């Protein structure tokens, strides 16, 4: 497995991961679902080169945001 810079084409995967991770906290889930605009991941982190994704030689990626 390799780590590479995220690309704008990774945004759908990153968005899905961000939403699943955010909603996994049972105490926050209700409020987040009432405010779905809080569950939108900005593409700024990708555009500024601040996100990485693991990548396999099989060209499969699993998006993992970092700061």
N, C-alpha and C. Protein backbone atom coordinates (compact mmCIF):
# COMPACT_ATOMS: atom_id res chain seq x y z
N UNK A 1 0.85 -1.17 0.00
CA UNK A 1 0.00 0.00 0.00
C UNK A 1 0.89 1.23 0.00
N UNK A 2 0.44 2.24 -0.70
CA UNK A 2 1.15 3.51 -0.81
C UNK A 2 0.24 4.63 -0.32
N UNK A 3 0.83 5.75 0.01
CA UNK A 3 0.06 6.94 0.38
C UNK A 3 0.32 7.97 -0.71
N UNK A 4 -0.73 8.57 -1.20
CA UNK A 4 -0.58 9.60 -2.23
C UNK A 4 -1.44 10.80 -1.87
N UNK A 5 -1.14 11.92 -2.50
CA UNK A 5 -1.98 13.10 -2.33
C UNK A 5 -3.37 12.80 -2.89
N UNK A 6 -4.38 13.26 -2.19
CA UNK A 6 -5.75 13.12 -2.70
C UNK A 6 -5.92 14.03 -3.91
N UNK A 7 -6.77 13.61 -4.80
CA UNK A 7 -7.09 14.39 -5.99
C UNK A 7 -8.56 14.74 -5.97
N UNK A 8 -8.94 15.70 -6.75
CA UNK A 8 -10.34 16.14 -6.78
C UNK A 8 -11.26 14.98 -7.16
N UNK A 9 -10.75 14.03 -7.92
CA UNK A 9 -11.55 12.87 -8.31
C UNK A 9 -11.82 11.94 -7.13
N UNK A 10 -11.13 12.13 -6.01
CA UNK A 10 -11.35 11.35 -4.79
C UNK A 10 -12.46 11.93 -3.92
N UNK A 11 -12.99 13.08 -4.28
CA UNK A 11 -13.93 13.79 -3.41
C UNK A 11 -15.16 12.97 -3.04
N UNK A 12 -15.72 12.19 -3.96
CA UNK A 12 -16.90 11.39 -3.61
C UNK A 12 -16.57 10.40 -2.50
N UNK A 13 -15.41 9.73 -2.61
CA UNK A 13 -15.00 8.78 -1.57
C UNK A 13 -14.70 9.50 -0.26
N UNK A 14 -14.02 10.62 -0.34
CA UNK A 14 -13.72 11.40 0.86
C UNK A 14 -15.00 11.89 1.53
N UNK A 15 -15.95 12.34 0.74
CA UNK A 15 -17.22 12.83 1.28
C UNK A 15 -17.96 11.70 2.01
N UNK A 16 -18.00 10.53 1.39
CA UNK A 16 -18.66 9.39 2.02
C UNK A 16 -18.00 9.01 3.33
N UNK A 17 -16.69 8.98 3.35
CA UNK A 17 -15.97 8.65 4.57
C UNK A 17 -16.20 9.70 5.65
N UNK A 18 -16.16 10.96 5.27
CA UNK A 18 -16.41 12.06 6.21
C UNK A 18 -17.80 11.93 6.85
N UNK A 19 -18.80 11.65 6.03
CA UNK A 19 -20.16 11.51 6.56
C UNK A 19 -20.29 10.30 7.48
N UNK A 20 -19.76 9.17 7.06
CA UNK A 20 -19.85 7.97 7.90
C UNK A 20 -19.13 8.17 9.22
N UNK A 21 -17.95 8.77 9.17
CA UNK A 21 -17.19 9.00 10.40
C UNK A 21 -17.93 9.98 11.32
N UNK A 22 -18.48 11.03 10.74
CA UNK A 22 -19.20 12.03 11.54
C UNK A 22 -20.43 11.43 12.19
N UNK A 23 -21.15 10.60 11.46
CA UNK A 23 -22.39 10.02 11.98
C UNK A 23 -22.15 8.83 12.90
N UNK A 24 -20.92 8.37 13.01
CA UNK A 24 -20.64 7.22 13.87
C UNK A 24 -20.72 7.58 15.35
N UNK A 25 -20.63 8.86 15.67
CA UNK A 25 -20.75 9.29 17.06
C UNK A 25 -22.23 9.44 17.39
N UNK A 26 -22.72 8.50 18.14
CA UNK A 26 -24.14 8.46 18.45
C UNK A 26 -24.66 9.74 19.10
N UNK A 27 -23.83 10.38 19.91
CA UNK A 27 -24.26 11.60 20.61
C UNK A 27 -24.43 12.78 19.67
N UNK A 28 -23.73 12.78 18.54
CA UNK A 28 -23.81 13.90 17.60
C UNK A 28 -24.75 13.64 16.43
N UNK A 29 -25.11 12.39 16.22
CA UNK A 29 -25.85 11.99 15.02
C UNK A 29 -27.13 12.78 14.80
N UNK A 30 -27.94 12.94 15.81
CA UNK A 30 -29.22 13.63 15.67
C UNK A 30 -29.06 15.06 15.18
N UNK A 31 -28.16 15.78 15.81
CA UNK A 31 -27.93 17.18 15.44
C UNK A 31 -27.36 17.28 14.02
N UNK A 32 -26.44 16.38 13.69
CA UNK A 32 -25.86 16.39 12.35
C UNK A 32 -26.91 16.10 11.28
N UNK A 33 -27.81 15.18 11.58
CA UNK A 33 -28.87 14.87 10.61
C UNK A 33 -29.86 16.02 10.46
N UNK A 34 -30.01 16.82 11.52
CA UNK A 34 -30.87 18.01 11.43
C UNK A 34 -30.18 19.11 10.61
N UNK A 35 -28.88 19.06 10.50
CA UNK A 35 -28.10 20.07 9.78
C UNK A 35 -27.17 19.39 8.77
N UNK A 36 -27.71 18.84 7.70
CA UNK A 36 -26.89 18.12 6.72
C UNK A 36 -25.81 18.98 6.08
N UNK A 37 -25.97 20.29 6.13
CA UNK A 37 -24.93 21.16 5.57
C UNK A 37 -23.62 21.04 6.36
N UNK A 38 -23.68 20.55 7.60
CA UNK A 38 -22.49 20.34 8.40
C UNK A 38 -21.73 19.08 7.96
N UNK A 39 -22.39 18.26 7.16
CA UNK A 39 -21.79 17.00 6.70
C UNK A 39 -21.20 17.11 5.30
N UNK A 40 -20.95 18.32 4.86
CA UNK A 40 -20.37 18.53 3.53
C UNK A 40 -18.88 18.82 3.71
N UNK A 41 -18.05 17.98 3.13
CA UNK A 41 -16.61 18.14 3.21
C UNK A 41 -16.15 19.15 2.17
N UNK A 42 -15.44 20.15 2.59
CA UNK A 42 -14.91 21.15 1.68
C UNK A 42 -13.79 20.55 0.84
N UNK A 43 -13.70 20.95 -0.40
CA UNK A 43 -12.64 20.45 -1.27
C UNK A 43 -11.33 21.21 -1.08
N UNK A 44 -11.33 22.21 -0.20
CA UNK A 44 -10.12 23.02 0.03
C UNK A 44 -8.93 22.18 0.48
N UNK A 45 -9.17 21.21 1.35
CA UNK A 45 -8.08 20.37 1.83
C UNK A 45 -7.40 19.61 0.70
N UNK A 46 -8.19 19.16 -0.25
CA UNK A 46 -7.63 18.46 -1.41
C UNK A 46 -6.88 19.44 -2.29
N UNK A 47 -7.51 20.57 -2.59
CA UNK A 47 -6.89 21.56 -3.47
C UNK A 47 -5.60 22.14 -2.89
N UNK A 48 -5.52 22.21 -1.55
CA UNK A 48 -4.33 22.75 -0.89
C UNK A 48 -3.30 21.67 -0.57
N UNK A 49 -3.57 20.44 -0.99
CA UNK A 49 -2.61 19.35 -0.76
C UNK A 49 -2.52 18.88 0.67
N UNK A 50 -3.62 19.00 1.43
CA UNK A 50 -3.61 18.62 2.85
C UNK A 50 -4.31 17.30 3.12
N UNK A 51 -4.67 16.54 2.10
CA UNK A 51 -5.31 15.25 2.30
C UNK A 51 -4.55 14.18 1.54
N UNK A 52 -4.47 13.01 2.16
CA UNK A 52 -3.80 11.87 1.56
C UNK A 52 -4.78 10.70 1.50
N UNK A 53 -4.53 9.80 0.60
CA UNK A 53 -5.32 8.58 0.51
C UNK A 53 -4.39 7.38 0.36
N UNK A 54 -4.72 6.28 1.03
CA UNK A 54 -3.95 5.07 0.79
C UNK A 54 -4.33 4.51 -0.58
N UNK A 55 -3.37 3.93 -1.24
CA UNK A 55 -3.58 3.45 -2.60
C UNK A 55 -2.82 2.14 -2.76
N UNK A 56 -3.46 1.15 -3.36
CA UNK A 56 -2.81 -0.13 -3.57
C UNK A 56 -2.35 -0.23 -5.01
N UNK A 57 -1.54 -1.18 -5.27
CA UNK A 57 -1.06 -1.40 -6.63
C UNK A 57 -2.19 -1.83 -7.55
N UNK A 58 -3.31 -2.22 -6.98
CA UNK A 58 -4.48 -2.61 -7.78
C UNK A 58 -5.32 -1.38 -8.14
N UNK A 59 -4.79 -0.19 -7.90
CA UNK A 59 -5.45 1.08 -8.22
C UNK A 59 -6.75 1.24 -7.45
N UNK A 60 -6.80 0.72 -6.25
CA UNK A 60 -7.95 0.91 -5.38
C UNK A 60 -7.56 1.89 -4.30
N UNK A 61 -8.45 2.78 -3.96
CA UNK A 61 -8.11 3.73 -2.88
C UNK A 61 -9.21 3.74 -1.84
N UNK A 62 -8.81 4.08 -0.64
CA UNK A 62 -9.71 4.29 0.49
C UNK A 62 -9.37 5.65 1.04
N UNK A 63 -10.27 6.58 0.92
CA UNK A 63 -9.96 7.97 1.27
C UNK A 63 -9.89 8.14 2.79
N UNK A 64 -8.80 8.72 3.25
CA UNK A 64 -8.60 9.00 4.66
C UNK A 64 -8.11 10.44 4.82
N UNK A 65 -8.96 11.35 5.25
CA UNK A 65 -8.51 12.73 5.44
C UNK A 65 -7.55 12.85 6.62
N UNK A 66 -6.66 13.80 6.54
CA UNK A 66 -5.76 14.09 7.65
C UNK A 66 -5.57 15.60 7.73
N UNK A 67 -5.03 16.03 8.86
CA UNK A 67 -4.75 17.46 9.02
C UNK A 67 -3.27 17.68 9.14
